[in-house]
């Protein structure tokens, strides 16, 4: 398949939250008098919309979930963005894709204003053609990313048949399937196990692997990419 557009997830795909998301969720939950669910339990929540993951925690109800999300957002804005880092090789990959004439966008479940702030703070905006996220600030819109991928396709007038969604969780690949778009799973993110990764149409372990898949081996070999992302990245 000749790729003409790539839609990237943000956290766990382009950016390593470096514990900012999990620590923020734990802070928000405990500040509401609930038990600390622990790092391992909360790590499984990274990726899907907060409204989905938080409801699986003991003590989170319809009455307190919006307040918990607001507390998390405040904590994330205060310290989380600063702690997040771009995964090795990502900037070179984005630039190579665009140099090859491929449209590059972000499709994230984050509220769009927060996604834009993070991307600007990490100076990724100049390497992207568009950014798409949830419209509301409290995470109450939507239970999937299907509408976000659909918005990106419509906004960029993209052909689903030559587009690819790249992400680290099943929500990314479900959204791709719902929009008849191919998907790639990255192993350096927050997929819980190999079974989850295998839900993607293809899987890659490094940014070089991803570049070879999207651009071909000859062009990928000319780039300054990371061959050992799983060791040098966050996870």
C-alpha atoms as a PDB file:
ATOM      1  CA  UNK A   1       0.000   0.000   0.000  1.00  0.00           C
ATOM      2  CA  UNK A   2       1.240   3.470  -0.889  1.00  0.00           C
ATOM      3  CA  UNK A   3       0.779   5.620   2.223  1.00  0.00           C
ATOM      4  CA  UNK A   4      -0.419   9.200   1.725  1.00  0.00           C
ATOM      5  CA  UNK A   5      -1.358  10.115   5.306  1.00  0.00           C
ATOM      6  CA  UNK A   6      -0.445   8.969   8.817  1.00  0.00           C
ATOM      7  CA  UNK A   7      -2.561   9.697  11.906  1.00  0.00           C
ATOM      8  CA  UNK A   8      -0.553   9.380  15.122  1.00  0.00           C
ATOM      9  CA  UNK A   9      -1.764   8.874  18.653  1.00  0.00           C
ATOM     10  CA  UNK A  10      -0.004  11.186  21.134  1.00  0.00           C
ATOM     11  CA  UNK A  11       0.761   9.708  24.584  1.00  0.00           C
ATOM     12  CA  UNK A  12       2.590   6.398  24.304  1.00  0.00           C
ATOM     13  CA  UNK A  13       3.227   6.894  20.592  1.00  0.00           C
ATOM     14  CA  UNK A  14       4.854  10.271  19.941  1.00  0.00           C
ATOM     15  CA  UNK A  15       5.323  11.418  23.527  1.00  0.00           C
ATOM     16  CA  UNK A  16       6.391   9.535  26.641  1.00  0.00           C
ATOM     17  CA  UNK A  17       4.327  10.880  29.557  1.00  0.00           C
ATOM     18  CA  UNK A  18       7.094   9.673  31.914  1.00  0.00           C
ATOM     19  CA  UNK A  19       4.665   8.856  34.713  1.00  0.00           C
ATOM     20  CA  UNK A  20       2.854  12.195  34.470  1.00  0.00           C
ATOM     21  CA  UNK A  21      -0.476  10.618  33.553  1.00  0.00           C
ATOM     22  CA  UNK A  22      -0.401   7.871  36.160  1.00  0.00           C
ATOM     23  CA  UNK A  23       0.791  10.133  38.968  1.00  0.00           C
ATOM     24  CA  UNK A  24      -1.825  12.709  37.982  1.00  0.00           C
ATOM     25  CA  UNK A  25      -4.637  10.165  38.083  1.00  0.00           C
ATOM     26  CA  UNK A  26      -3.489   8.816  41.448  1.00  0.00           C
ATOM     27  CA  UNK A  27      -3.311  12.354  42.845  1.00  0.00           C
ATOM     28  CA  UNK A  28      -6.786  13.203  41.543  1.00  0.00           C
ATOM     29  CA  UNK A  29      -8.320  10.011  42.935  1.00  0.00           C
ATOM     30  CA  UNK A  30      -6.739  10.234  46.393  1.00  0.00           C
ATOM     31  CA  UNK A  31      -7.546  13.959  46.662  1.00  0.00           C
ATOM     32  CA  UNK A  32     -11.202  12.896  46.537  1.00  0.00           C
ATOM     33  CA  UNK A  33     -10.766  10.583  49.517  1.00  0.00           C
ATOM     34  CA  UNK A  34     -10.534   7.386  47.484  1.00  0.00           C
ATOM     35  CA  UNK A  35      -7.939   4.650  47.883  1.00  0.00           C
ATOM     36  CA  UNK A  36      -4.750   4.888  45.829  1.00  0.00           C
ATOM     37  CA  UNK A  37      -5.176   2.276  43.060  1.00  0.00           C
ATOM     38  CA  UNK A  38      -1.413   1.936  42.604  1.00  0.00           C
ATOM     39  CA  UNK A  39       0.884   2.520  39.640  1.00  0.00           C
ATOM     40  CA  UNK A  40       0.329  -0.800  37.861  1.00  0.00           C
ATOM     41  CA  UNK A  41      -3.450  -0.499  38.003  1.00  0.00           C
ATOM     42  CA  UNK A  42      -3.458   3.077  36.744  1.00  0.00           C
ATOM     43  CA  UNK A  43      -0.957   2.400  33.958  1.00  0.00           C
ATOM     44  CA  UNK A  44      -3.610   0.260  32.267  1.00  0.00           C
ATOM     45  CA  UNK A  45      -5.782   3.386  31.984  1.00  0.00           C
ATOM     46  CA  UNK A  46      -3.308   5.275  29.787  1.00  0.00           C
ATOM     47  CA  UNK A  47      -4.649   5.597  26.259  1.00  0.00           C
ATOM     48  CA  UNK A  48      -8.445   5.253  26.389  1.00  0.00           C
ATOM     49  CA  UNK A  49     -10.574   8.312  27.236  1.00  0.00           C
ATOM     50  CA  UNK A  50     -10.477   9.076  30.978  1.00  0.00           C
ATOM     51  CA  UNK A  51     -14.237   8.654  31.264  1.00  0.00           C
ATOM     52  CA  UNK A  52     -13.768   5.002  30.336  1.00  0.00           C
ATOM     53  CA  UNK A  53     -10.792   4.110  32.499  1.00  0.00           C
ATOM     54  CA  UNK A  54     -11.702   6.018  35.641  1.00  0.00           C
ATOM     55  CA  UNK A  55     -15.043   4.256  35.918  1.00  0.00           C
ATOM     56  CA  UNK A  56     -13.200   0.984  36.479  1.00  0.00           C
ATOM     57  CA  UNK A  57     -11.661   2.292  39.724  1.00  0.00           C
ATOM     58  CA  UNK A  58     -13.310   1.671  43.088  1.00  0.00           C
ATOM     59  CA  UNK A  59     -15.220   4.677  44.376  1.00  0.00           C
ATOM     60  CA  UNK A  60     -15.487   6.566  41.082  1.00  0.00           C
ATOM     61  CA  UNK A  61     -19.126   7.437  40.405  1.00  0.00           C
ATOM     62  CA  UNK A  62     -21.244   9.574  38.114  1.00  0.00           C
ATOM     63  CA  UNK A  63     -21.323  12.140  40.898  1.00  0.00           C
ATOM     64  CA  UNK A  64     -17.564  12.574  41.355  1.00  0.00           C
ATOM     65  CA  UNK A  65     -16.010  11.641  38.020  1.00  0.00           C
ATOM     66  CA  UNK A  66     -16.087  15.134  36.493  1.00  0.00           C
ATOM     67  CA  UNK A  67     -14.458  16.577  39.607  1.00  0.00           C
ATOM     68  CA  UNK A  68     -11.769  13.884  39.535  1.00  0.00           C
ATOM     69  CA  UNK A  69     -11.067  14.600  35.864  1.00  0.00           C
ATOM     70  CA  UNK A  70     -10.836  18.332  36.592  1.00  0.00           C
ATOM     71  CA  UNK A  71      -8.328  17.637  39.379  1.00  0.00           C
ATOM     72  CA  UNK A  72      -6.295  15.465  37.031  1.00  0.00           C
ATOM     73  CA  UNK A  73      -6.310  18.126  34.302  1.00  0.00           C
ATOM     74  CA  UNK A  74      -5.087  20.758  36.756  1.00  0.00           C
ATOM     75  CA  UNK A  75      -2.281  18.512  37.982  1.00  0.00           C
ATOM     76  CA  UNK A  76      -1.290  17.568  34.446  1.00  0.00           C
ATOM     77  CA  UNK A  77      -1.139  21.211  33.367  1.00  0.00           C
ATOM     78  CA  UNK A  78       0.935  22.074  36.438  1.00  0.00           C
ATOM     79  CA  UNK A  79       3.591  19.352  36.214  1.00  0.00           C
ATOM     80  CA  UNK A  80       2.658  16.699  33.659  1.00  0.00           C
ATOM     81  CA  UNK A  81       3.458  18.561  30.461  1.00  0.00           C
ATOM     82  CA  UNK A  82       6.914  19.485  31.706  1.00  0.00           C
ATOM     83  CA  UNK A  83       7.680  15.863  32.589  1.00  0.00           C
ATOM     84  CA  UNK A  84       6.599  14.473  29.201  1.00  0.00           C
ATOM     85  CA  UNK A  85       9.325  13.846  26.601  1.00  0.00           C
ATOM     86  CA  UNK A  86       9.334  13.036  22.894  1.00  0.00           C
ATOM     87  CA  UNK A  87      10.308   9.448  22.142  1.00  0.00           C
ATOM     88  CA  UNK A  88      13.717   9.038  20.425  1.00  0.00           C
ATOM     89  CA  UNK A  89      13.592   9.213  16.640  1.00  0.00           C
ATOM     90  CA  UNK A  90      10.093  10.679  16.418  1.00  0.00           C
ATOM     91  CA  UNK A  91      11.022  14.141  15.110  1.00  0.00           C
ATOM     92  CA  UNK A  92      13.236  12.674  12.381  1.00  0.00           C
ATOM     93  CA  UNK A  93      10.444  10.290  11.410  1.00  0.00           C
ATOM     94  CA  UNK A  94       7.801  13.026  11.222  1.00  0.00           C
ATOM     95  CA  UNK A  95      10.063  15.217   9.102  1.00  0.00           C
ATOM     96  CA  UNK A  96      10.908  12.332   6.768  1.00  0.00           C
ATOM     97  CA  UNK A  97       7.237  11.513   6.271  1.00  0.00           C
ATOM     98  CA  UNK A  98       6.374  15.100   5.399  1.00  0.00           C
ATOM     99  CA  UNK A  99       9.424  15.422   3.146  1.00  0.00           C
ATOM    100  CA  UNK A 100       8.088  12.400   1.260  1.00  0.00           C
ATOM    101  CA  UNK A 101       4.796  14.235   0.728  1.00  0.00           C
ATOM    102  CA  UNK A 102       2.886  12.290   3.388  1.00  0.00           C
ATOM    103  CA  UNK A 103       0.276  14.157   5.432  1.00  0.00           C
ATOM    104  CA  UNK A 104       0.963  13.842   9.168  1.00  0.00           C
ATOM    105  CA  UNK A 105      -1.590  14.525  11.906  1.00  0.00           C
ATOM    106  CA  UNK A 106      -2.234  13.737  15.566  1.00  0.00           C
ATOM    107  CA  UNK A 107      -5.458  12.019  16.633  1.00  0.00           C
ATOM    108  CA  UNK A 108      -5.689  11.889  20.420  1.00  0.00           C
ATOM    109  CA  UNK A 109      -8.390  11.313  23.026  1.00  0.00           C
ATOM    110  CA  UNK A 110      -7.009  14.274  24.980  1.00  0.00           C
ATOM    111  CA  UNK A 111      -9.093  17.463  25.000  1.00  0.00           C
ATOM    112  CA  UNK A 112      -7.917  19.428  21.977  1.00  0.00           C
ATOM    113  CA  UNK A 113      -6.771  22.455  23.983  1.00  0.00           C
ATOM    114  CA  UNK A 114      -4.532  20.307  26.199  1.00  0.00           C
ATOM    115  CA  UNK A 115      -3.176  18.380  23.209  1.00  0.00           C
ATOM    116  CA  UNK A 116      -2.259  21.634  21.469  1.00  0.00           C
ATOM    117  CA  UNK A 117      -0.566  22.973  24.596  1.00  0.00           C
ATOM    118  CA  UNK A 118       1.512  19.811  25.003  1.00  0.00           C
ATOM    119  CA  UNK A 119       2.479  19.685  21.333  1.00  0.00           C
ATOM    120  CA  UNK A 120       3.442  23.376  21.329  1.00  0.00           C
ATOM    121  CA  UNK A 121       5.419  23.009  24.552  1.00  0.00           C
ATOM    122  CA  UNK A 122       7.392  20.129  23.050  1.00  0.00           C
ATOM    123  CA  UNK A 123       7.798  22.065  19.772  1.00  0.00           C
ATOM    124  CA  UNK A 124       6.167  19.297  17.771  1.00  0.00           C
ATOM    125  CA  UNK A 125       3.628  21.567  16.090  1.00  0.00           C
ATOM    126  CA  UNK A 126       6.044  22.584  13.340  1.00  0.00           C
ATOM    127  CA  UNK A 127       6.431  18.908  12.413  1.00  0.00           C
ATOM    128  CA  UNK A 128       2.681  18.260  11.982  1.00  0.00           C
ATOM    129  CA  UNK A 129      -0.007  19.167   9.475  1.00  0.00           C
ATOM    130  CA  UNK A 130      -2.943  19.006  11.903  1.00  0.00           C
ATOM    131  CA  UNK A 131      -3.981  18.146  15.469  1.00  0.00           C
ATOM    132  CA  UNK A 132      -7.306  16.516  16.372  1.00  0.00           C
ATOM    133  CA  UNK A 133      -8.683  15.692  19.815  1.00  0.00           C
ATOM    134  CA  UNK A 134     -11.807  15.703  21.948  1.00  0.00           C
ATOM    135  CA  UNK A 135     -13.783  18.931  21.976  1.00  0.00           C
ATOM    136  CA  UNK A 136     -14.631  19.068  25.686  1.00  0.00           C
ATOM    137  CA  UNK A 137     -12.221  19.887  28.499  1.00  0.00           C
ATOM    138  CA  UNK A 138     -13.520  17.342  31.013  1.00  0.00           C
ATOM    139  CA  UNK A 139     -13.312  14.205  28.890  1.00  0.00           C
ATOM    140  CA  UNK A 140     -17.058  13.567  28.897  1.00  0.00           C
ATOM    141  CA  UNK A 141     -17.448  13.419  25.122  1.00  0.00           C
ATOM    142  CA  UNK A 142     -17.280  10.090  23.398  1.00  0.00           C
ATOM    143  CA  UNK A 143     -16.278   6.636  24.491  1.00  0.00           C
ATOM    144  CA  UNK A 144     -13.898   5.984  21.582  1.00  0.00           C
ATOM    145  CA  UNK A 145     -11.595   7.734  19.125  1.00  0.00           C
ATOM    146  CA  UNK A 146     -13.691   6.841  16.092  1.00  0.00           C
ATOM    147  CA  UNK A 147     -15.072  10.362  15.741  1.00  0.00           C
ATOM    148  CA  UNK A 148     -11.588  11.872  16.097  1.00  0.00           C
ATOM    149  CA  UNK A 149     -10.125   9.782  13.276  1.00  0.00           C
ATOM    150  CA  UNK A 150     -13.219  10.541  11.176  1.00  0.00           C
ATOM    151  CA  UNK A 151     -12.719  14.260  11.793  1.00  0.00           C
ATOM    152  CA  UNK A 152      -9.073  14.035  10.727  1.00  0.00           C
ATOM    153  CA  UNK A 153      -9.993  12.228   7.516  1.00  0.00           C
ATOM    154  CA  UNK A 154     -12.644  14.807   6.679  1.00  0.00           C
ATOM    155  CA  UNK A 155     -10.544  17.820   7.642  1.00  0.00           C
ATOM    156  CA  UNK A 156      -7.573  16.722   5.556  1.00  0.00           C
ATOM    157  CA  UNK A 157      -9.730  15.289   2.751  1.00  0.00           C
ATOM    158  CA  UNK A 158      -7.778  12.077   3.219  1.00  0.00           C
ATOM    159  CA  UNK A 159      -8.316   8.758   1.470  1.00  0.00           C
ATOM    160  CA  UNK A 160      -8.924   6.041   4.106  1.00  0.00           C
ATOM    161  CA  UNK A 161      -7.525   3.430   1.719  1.00  0.00           C
ATOM    162  CA  UNK A 162      -4.069   5.055   1.763  1.00  0.00           C
ATOM    163  CA  UNK A 163      -4.103   6.282   5.364  1.00  0.00           C
ATOM    164  CA  UNK A 164      -2.612   4.641   8.468  1.00  0.00           C
ATOM    165  CA  UNK A 165      -3.408   5.074  12.161  1.00  0.00           C
ATOM    166  CA  UNK A 166      -0.367   4.587  14.421  1.00  0.00           C
ATOM    167  CA  UNK A 167      -0.981   4.034  18.137  1.00  0.00           C
ATOM    168  CA  UNK A 168      -0.225   1.963  21.214  1.00  0.00           C
ATOM    169  CA  UNK A 169      -3.654   0.885  22.513  1.00  0.00           C
ATOM    170  CA  UNK A 170      -6.675  -1.001  21.197  1.00  0.00           C
ATOM    171  CA  UNK A 171      -8.725   2.224  21.141  1.00  0.00           C
ATOM    172  CA  UNK A 172      -6.462   3.475  18.349  1.00  0.00           C
ATOM    173  CA  UNK A 173      -6.897   0.354  16.264  1.00  0.00           C
ATOM    174  CA  UNK A 174     -10.649   0.132  16.902  1.00  0.00           C
ATOM    175  CA  UNK A 175     -10.995   3.714  15.655  1.00  0.00           C
ATOM    176  CA  UNK A 176      -8.972   2.825  12.565  1.00  0.00           C
ATOM    177  CA  UNK A 177     -11.171  -0.177  11.771  1.00  0.00           C
ATOM    178  CA  UNK A 178     -14.352   1.841  12.246  1.00  0.00           C
ATOM    179  CA  UNK A 179     -13.055   4.277   9.618  1.00  0.00           C
ATOM    180  CA  UNK A 180     -11.729   1.592   7.214  1.00  0.00           C
ATOM    181  CA  UNK A 181      -8.142   2.690   7.854  1.00  0.00           C
ATOM    182  CA  UNK A 182      -5.094   0.445   8.298  1.00  0.00           C
ATOM    183  CA  UNK A 183      -3.404   0.439  11.710  1.00  0.00           C
ATOM    184  CA  UNK A 184       0.053  -0.036  13.204  1.00  0.00           C
ATOM    185  CA  UNK A 185       0.763  -0.793  16.856  1.00  0.00           C
ATOM    186  CA  UNK A 186       3.943   0.512  18.506  1.00  0.00           C
ATOM    187  CA  UNK A 187       5.509  -1.700  21.166  1.00  0.00           C
ATOM    188  CA  UNK A 188       7.095   1.165  23.119  1.00  0.00           C
ATOM    189  CA  UNK A 189       3.762   2.464  24.431  1.00  0.00           C
ATOM    190  CA  UNK A 190       1.181   1.250  26.933  1.00  0.00           C
ATOM    191  CA  UNK A 191      -0.299  -1.865  25.339  1.00  0.00           C
ATOM    192  CA  UNK A 192      -0.892  -4.290  28.193  1.00  0.00           C
ATOM    193  CA  UNK A 193       0.514  -7.350  26.431  1.00  0.00           C
ATOM    194  CA  UNK A 194       1.304  -8.923  23.068  1.00  0.00           C
ATOM    195  CA  UNK A 195      -2.312 -10.013  22.663  1.00  0.00           C
ATOM    196  CA  UNK A 196      -3.411  -6.379  22.697  1.00  0.00           C
ATOM    197  CA  UNK A 197      -0.678  -5.374  20.250  1.00  0.00           C
ATOM    198  CA  UNK A 198      -1.732  -8.121  17.860  1.00  0.00           C
ATOM    199  CA  UNK A 199      -5.093  -6.385  17.445  1.00  0.00           C
ATOM    200  CA  UNK A 200      -3.297  -3.856  15.245  1.00  0.00           C
ATOM    201  CA  UNK A 201      -2.861  -4.568  11.565  1.00  0.00           C
ATOM    202  CA  UNK A 202       0.926  -4.548  12.000  1.00  0.00           C
ATOM    203  CA  UNK A 203       3.316  -4.015  14.900  1.00  0.00           C
ATOM    204  CA  UNK A 204       6.710  -2.323  15.216  1.00  0.00           C
ATOM    205  CA  UNK A 205       9.293  -2.253  18.011  1.00  0.00           C
ATOM    206  CA  UNK A 206      11.319   0.829  17.031  1.00  0.00           C
ATOM    207  CA  UNK A 207      10.972   4.068  15.104  1.00  0.00           C
ATOM    208  CA  UNK A 208      13.270   2.569  12.467  1.00  0.00           C
ATOM    209  CA  UNK A 209      10.861  -0.337  12.040  1.00  0.00           C
ATOM    210  CA  UNK A 210       8.027   2.155  11.669  1.00  0.00           C
ATOM    211  CA  UNK A 211       9.959   4.221   9.123  1.00  0.00           C
ATOM    212  CA  UNK A 212      10.722   1.107   7.080  1.00  0.00           C
ATOM    213  CA  UNK A 213       7.063   0.134   7.113  1.00  0.00           C
ATOM    214  CA  UNK A 214       5.819   3.570   6.054  1.00  0.00           C
ATOM    215  CA  UNK A 215       8.672   4.769   3.830  1.00  0.00           C
ATOM    216  CA  UNK A 216      10.606   1.675   2.780  1.00  0.00           C
ATOM    217  CA  UNK A 217      13.947   0.370   4.026  1.00  0.00           C
ATOM    218  CA  UNK A 218      16.145   2.374   1.651  1.00  0.00           C
ATOM    219  CA  UNK A 219      14.820   5.750   2.788  1.00  0.00           C
ATOM    220  CA  UNK A 220      14.565   4.703   6.444  1.00  0.00           C
ATOM    221  CA  UNK A 221      18.253   3.802   6.479  1.00  0.00           C
ATOM    222  CA  UNK A 222      19.163   7.412   5.667  1.00  0.00           C
ATOM    223  CA  UNK A 223      17.441   8.732   8.803  1.00  0.00           C
ATOM    224  CA  UNK A 224      18.831   9.305  12.292  1.00  0.00           C
ATOM    225  CA  UNK A 225      16.480   6.929  14.065  1.00  0.00           C
ATOM    226  CA  UNK A 226      16.597   4.842  17.218  1.00  0.00           C
ATOM    227  CA  UNK A 227      17.186   1.108  16.817  1.00  0.00           C
ATOM    228  CA  UNK A 228      16.800   0.416  20.542  1.00  0.00           C
ATOM    229  CA  UNK A 229      13.755   2.457  21.526  1.00  0.00           C
ATOM    230  CA  UNK A 230      12.443  -0.086  23.993  1.00  0.00           C
ATOM    231  CA  UNK A 231      15.556   0.396  26.117  1.00  0.00           C
ATOM    232  CA  UNK A 232      16.147   4.122  25.616  1.00  0.00           C
ATOM    233  CA  UNK A 233      12.509   5.175  25.659  1.00  0.00           C
ATOM    234  CA  UNK A 234      10.104   5.217  28.573  1.00  0.00           C
ATOM    235  CA  UNK A 235       9.324   1.553  28.694  1.00  0.00           C
END
